[in-house]
């Protein structure tokens, strides 16, 4: 079973790399799944609408070590019954990618959402999404499938 998950991961990454190469980095590699529950967060919401003090890191993973220490974070907002999650990349380089994966079956299958590229500066974030089982992933600029790093499912 683990090998089939790896195969699906590599297939999804191939779509990401191909879409970036053709200038479609904002496209999702898989169609977004409809949420089985009705939360008040709408898929695609801009997470910068939330005051920084109301957001928190769910989990993080290092995408690139020294000297950059590029970090991928799964971020969340959970105030007044509104819960949204998104991916954030900090201390990156132009061309780095960040996205979130959302699953409703324990990570067996997932939708890849909000593929976002660092175009200028050193950081960027995906849109916010209503949660399922979520993780944030990143790919360094010019990276290969084995260079993808993801936070644990949360």
C-alpha atoms as a PDB file:
ATOM      1  CA  UNK A   1       0.000   0.000   0.000  1.00  0.00           C
ATOM      2  CA  UNK A   2       2.847   2.384   0.835  1.00  0.00           C
ATOM      3  CA  UNK A   3       4.302   1.973  -2.646  1.00  0.00           C
ATOM      4  CA  UNK A   4       0.967   2.934  -4.236  1.00  0.00           C
ATOM      5  CA  UNK A   5       0.914   6.137  -2.138  1.00  0.00           C
ATOM      6  CA  UNK A   6       4.453   6.940  -3.282  1.00  0.00           C
ATOM      7  CA  UNK A   7       3.472   6.304  -6.899  1.00  0.00           C
ATOM      8  CA  UNK A   8       0.451   8.624  -6.538  1.00  0.00           C
ATOM      9  CA  UNK A   9       2.698  11.232  -4.867  1.00  0.00           C
ATOM     10  CA  UNK A  10       5.204  11.091  -7.702  1.00  0.00           C
ATOM     11  CA  UNK A  11       2.441  11.226 -10.304  1.00  0.00           C
ATOM     12  CA  UNK A  12       0.943  14.292  -8.621  1.00  0.00           C
ATOM     13  CA  UNK A  13       4.377  15.907  -8.449  1.00  0.00           C
ATOM     14  CA  UNK A  14       4.934  15.261 -12.152  1.00  0.00           C
ATOM     15  CA  UNK A  15       1.764  17.220 -12.821  1.00  0.00           C
ATOM     16  CA  UNK A  16       3.052  20.062 -10.609  1.00  0.00           C
ATOM     17  CA  UNK A  17       6.414  20.175 -12.368  1.00  0.00           C
ATOM     18  CA  UNK A  18       4.758  19.997 -15.803  1.00  0.00           C
ATOM     19  CA  UNK A  19       2.276  22.728 -14.924  1.00  0.00           C
ATOM     20  CA  UNK A  20       5.014  25.021 -13.636  1.00  0.00           C
ATOM     21  CA  UNK A  21       7.034  24.420 -16.768  1.00  0.00           C
ATOM     22  CA  UNK A  22       4.082  25.444 -18.892  1.00  0.00           C
ATOM     23  CA  UNK A  23       3.274  28.508 -16.815  1.00  0.00           C
ATOM     24  CA  UNK A  24       0.226  27.030 -15.089  1.00  0.00           C
ATOM     25  CA  UNK A  25       1.583  27.010 -11.531  1.00  0.00           C
ATOM     26  CA  UNK A  26      -1.703  28.254 -10.155  1.00  0.00           C
ATOM     27  CA  UNK A  27      -3.567  25.223 -11.484  1.00  0.00           C
ATOM     28  CA  UNK A  28      -4.413  22.383  -9.169  1.00  0.00           C
ATOM     29  CA  UNK A  29      -2.966  18.978  -9.996  1.00  0.00           C
ATOM     30  CA  UNK A  30      -6.196  17.295  -8.959  1.00  0.00           C
ATOM     31  CA  UNK A  31      -9.735  18.640  -8.830  1.00  0.00           C
ATOM     32  CA  UNK A  32     -10.700  19.998  -5.446  1.00  0.00           C
ATOM     33  CA  UNK A  33     -12.938  17.706  -3.492  1.00  0.00           C
ATOM     34  CA  UNK A  34     -16.135  19.029  -2.004  1.00  0.00           C
ATOM     35  CA  UNK A  35     -16.007  19.195   1.769  1.00  0.00           C
ATOM     36  CA  UNK A  36     -18.233  16.664   3.473  1.00  0.00           C
ATOM     37  CA  UNK A  37     -18.930  19.134   6.257  1.00  0.00           C
ATOM     38  CA  UNK A  38     -20.065  22.700   5.945  1.00  0.00           C
ATOM     39  CA  UNK A  39     -17.493  24.932   7.594  1.00  0.00           C
ATOM     40  CA  UNK A  40     -17.526  28.689   7.405  1.00  0.00           C
ATOM     41  CA  UNK A  41     -14.203  28.829   5.538  1.00  0.00           C
ATOM     42  CA  UNK A  42     -14.606  29.014   1.785  1.00  0.00           C
ATOM     43  CA  UNK A  43     -11.984  27.306  -0.359  1.00  0.00           C
ATOM     44  CA  UNK A  44      -9.618  29.812  -1.937  1.00  0.00           C
ATOM     45  CA  UNK A  45      -9.964  32.490   0.738  1.00  0.00           C
ATOM     46  CA  UNK A  46      -7.044  34.902   1.211  1.00  0.00           C
ATOM     47  CA  UNK A  47      -5.548  34.053   4.628  1.00  0.00           C
ATOM     48  CA  UNK A  48      -4.048  37.533   4.976  1.00  0.00           C
ATOM     49  CA  UNK A  49      -7.575  38.697   5.875  1.00  0.00           C
ATOM     50  CA  UNK A  50      -7.006  37.183   9.331  1.00  0.00           C
ATOM     51  CA  UNK A  51      -5.068  39.218  11.912  1.00  0.00           C
ATOM     52  CA  UNK A  52      -1.634  37.613  12.417  1.00  0.00           C
ATOM     53  CA  UNK A  53      -2.263  37.072  16.137  1.00  0.00           C
ATOM     54  CA  UNK A  54      -5.191  34.768  15.334  1.00  0.00           C
ATOM     55  CA  UNK A  55      -3.171  32.341  13.184  1.00  0.00           C
ATOM     56  CA  UNK A  56      -0.946  29.496  14.294  1.00  0.00           C
ATOM     57  CA  UNK A  57       1.401  26.868  12.896  1.00  0.00           C
ATOM     58  CA  UNK A  58      -0.074  23.379  12.900  1.00  0.00           C
ATOM     59  CA  UNK A  59       3.159  21.723  11.760  1.00  0.00           C
ATOM     60  CA  UNK A  60       6.293  22.537   9.766  1.00  0.00           C
ATOM     61  CA  UNK A  61       9.088  20.901   7.805  1.00  0.00           C
ATOM     62  CA  UNK A  62      12.428  22.163   6.500  1.00  0.00           C
ATOM     63  CA  UNK A  63      12.471  22.354   2.695  1.00  0.00           C
ATOM     64  CA  UNK A  64      16.065  23.538   2.356  1.00  0.00           C
ATOM     65  CA  UNK A  65      18.771  23.725   5.009  1.00  0.00           C
ATOM     66  CA  UNK A  66      21.556  26.245   5.497  1.00  0.00           C
ATOM     67  CA  UNK A  67      22.118  28.930   4.496  1.00  0.00           C
ATOM     68  CA  UNK A  68      18.433  29.624   3.711  1.00  0.00           C
ATOM     69  CA  UNK A  69      16.617  27.350   6.192  1.00  0.00           C
ATOM     70  CA  UNK A  70      13.540  27.412   3.962  1.00  0.00           C
ATOM     71  CA  UNK A  71      10.504  26.391   5.988  1.00  0.00           C
ATOM     72  CA  UNK A  72       7.164  24.931   4.861  1.00  0.00           C
ATOM     73  CA  UNK A  73       4.343  25.443   7.364  1.00  0.00           C
ATOM     74  CA  UNK A  74       0.775  24.248   7.588  1.00  0.00           C
ATOM     75  CA  UNK A  75      -0.941  27.324   9.041  1.00  0.00           C
ATOM     76  CA  UNK A  76      -4.427  27.626  10.490  1.00  0.00           C
ATOM     77  CA  UNK A  77      -6.991  30.108  11.698  1.00  0.00           C
ATOM     78  CA  UNK A  78      -9.548  28.848  14.192  1.00  0.00           C
ATOM     79  CA  UNK A  79     -11.470  31.723  15.745  1.00  0.00           C
ATOM     80  CA  UNK A  80     -15.227  32.054  16.185  1.00  0.00           C
ATOM     81  CA  UNK A  81     -15.928  28.653  14.614  1.00  0.00           C
ATOM     82  CA  UNK A  82     -14.202  29.607  11.363  1.00  0.00           C
ATOM     83  CA  UNK A  83     -11.412  27.169  10.598  1.00  0.00           C
ATOM     84  CA  UNK A  84      -9.143  27.572   7.561  1.00  0.00           C
ATOM     85  CA  UNK A  85      -5.781  26.044   6.728  1.00  0.00           C
ATOM     86  CA  UNK A  86      -3.108  27.036   4.207  1.00  0.00           C
ATOM     87  CA  UNK A  87       0.522  26.449   3.307  1.00  0.00           C
ATOM     88  CA  UNK A  88       3.249  29.007   3.878  1.00  0.00           C
ATOM     89  CA  UNK A  89       6.841  29.062   2.638  1.00  0.00           C
ATOM     90  CA  UNK A  90       9.403  31.334   4.324  1.00  0.00           C
ATOM     91  CA  UNK A  91      13.081  32.086   3.643  1.00  0.00           C
ATOM     92  CA  UNK A  92      12.748  30.615   0.178  1.00  0.00           C
ATOM     93  CA  UNK A  93      14.045  31.423  -3.258  1.00  0.00           C
ATOM     94  CA  UNK A  94      12.338  32.583  -6.444  1.00  0.00           C
ATOM     95  CA  UNK A  95      10.836  29.506  -8.107  1.00  0.00           C
ATOM     96  CA  UNK A  96      10.152  27.544  -4.915  1.00  0.00           C
ATOM     97  CA  UNK A  97       6.652  26.032  -4.737  1.00  0.00           C
ATOM     98  CA  UNK A  98       4.240  25.523  -1.854  1.00  0.00           C
ATOM     99  CA  UNK A  99       0.830  23.811  -1.864  1.00  0.00           C
ATOM    100  CA  UNK A 100      -1.545  21.946   0.420  1.00  0.00           C
ATOM    101  CA  UNK A 101      -2.920  18.441   0.087  1.00  0.00           C
ATOM    102  CA  UNK A 102      -6.388  17.668   1.478  1.00  0.00           C
ATOM    103  CA  UNK A 103      -7.748  14.189   2.103  1.00  0.00           C
ATOM    104  CA  UNK A 104     -11.039  12.847   3.371  1.00  0.00           C
ATOM    105  CA  UNK A 105      -9.956   9.203   3.602  1.00  0.00           C
ATOM    106  CA  UNK A 106      -6.954   9.222   5.921  1.00  0.00           C
ATOM    107  CA  UNK A 107      -4.420  10.190   3.244  1.00  0.00           C
ATOM    108  CA  UNK A 108      -5.127   7.293   0.864  1.00  0.00           C
ATOM    109  CA  UNK A 109      -6.170   9.794  -1.805  1.00  0.00           C
ATOM    110  CA  UNK A 110      -5.947  13.558  -1.782  1.00  0.00           C
ATOM    111  CA  UNK A 111      -6.468  16.729  -3.770  1.00  0.00           C
ATOM    112  CA  UNK A 112      -3.492  18.986  -4.379  1.00  0.00           C
ATOM    113  CA  UNK A 113      -4.618  22.581  -3.847  1.00  0.00           C
ATOM    114  CA  UNK A 114      -3.283  26.084  -4.286  1.00  0.00           C
ATOM    115  CA  UNK A 115       0.047  25.466  -5.999  1.00  0.00           C
ATOM    116  CA  UNK A 116       1.839  28.757  -5.380  1.00  0.00           C
ATOM    117  CA  UNK A 117       5.244  29.888  -6.609  1.00  0.00           C
ATOM    118  CA  UNK A 118       7.612  32.372  -5.006  1.00  0.00           C
ATOM    119  CA  UNK A 119       7.889  34.975  -7.789  1.00  0.00           C
ATOM    120  CA  UNK A 120       9.607  37.753  -5.845  1.00  0.00           C
ATOM    121  CA  UNK A 121      11.025  37.998  -2.370  1.00  0.00           C
ATOM    122  CA  UNK A 122      11.515  34.991  -0.122  1.00  0.00           C
ATOM    123  CA  UNK A 123       8.052  33.878   0.959  1.00  0.00           C
ATOM    124  CA  UNK A 124       4.551  33.144  -0.236  1.00  0.00           C
ATOM    125  CA  UNK A 125       1.414  31.332   0.883  1.00  0.00           C
ATOM    126  CA  UNK A 126      -1.396  29.343  -0.664  1.00  0.00           C
ATOM    127  CA  UNK A 127      -5.032  30.324  -0.424  1.00  0.00           C
ATOM    128  CA  UNK A 128      -6.905  29.056   2.620  1.00  0.00           C
ATOM    129  CA  UNK A 129      -9.065  25.942   2.469  1.00  0.00           C
ATOM    130  CA  UNK A 130     -11.746  24.326   4.566  1.00  0.00           C
ATOM    131  CA  UNK A 131      -9.991  21.535   6.408  1.00  0.00           C
ATOM    132  CA  UNK A 132     -10.090  17.828   5.919  1.00  0.00           C
ATOM    133  CA  UNK A 133      -6.942  15.921   6.737  1.00  0.00           C
ATOM    134  CA  UNK A 134      -4.327  18.458   5.592  1.00  0.00           C
ATOM    135  CA  UNK A 135      -0.613  18.789   4.973  1.00  0.00           C
ATOM    136  CA  UNK A 136       1.575  21.491   3.425  1.00  0.00           C
ATOM    137  CA  UNK A 137       4.203  20.562   0.831  1.00  0.00           C
ATOM    138  CA  UNK A 138       6.989  22.314  -1.009  1.00  0.00           C
ATOM    139  CA  UNK A 139       9.407  21.825  -3.863  1.00  0.00           C
ATOM    140  CA  UNK A 140      12.621  23.838  -4.184  1.00  0.00           C
ATOM    141  CA  UNK A 141      13.175  25.719  -7.440  1.00  0.00           C
ATOM    142  CA  UNK A 142      14.593  23.334 -10.025  1.00  0.00           C
ATOM    143  CA  UNK A 143      13.869  20.410  -7.721  1.00  0.00           C
ATOM    144  CA  UNK A 144      13.061  16.816  -8.594  1.00  0.00           C
ATOM    145  CA  UNK A 145      10.285  14.582  -7.216  1.00  0.00           C
ATOM    146  CA  UNK A 146      12.543  13.268  -4.454  1.00  0.00           C
ATOM    147  CA  UNK A 147      13.083  16.868  -3.267  1.00  0.00           C
ATOM    148  CA  UNK A 148       9.438  17.372  -2.238  1.00  0.00           C
ATOM    149  CA  UNK A 149       8.953  17.827   1.496  1.00  0.00           C
ATOM    150  CA  UNK A 150       5.590  17.705   3.277  1.00  0.00           C
ATOM    151  CA  UNK A 151       4.465  18.257   6.831  1.00  0.00           C
ATOM    152  CA  UNK A 152       2.820  15.250   8.446  1.00  0.00           C
ATOM    153  CA  UNK A 153      -0.920  14.838   7.814  1.00  0.00           C
ATOM    154  CA  UNK A 154      -2.814  16.788  10.439  1.00  0.00           C
END
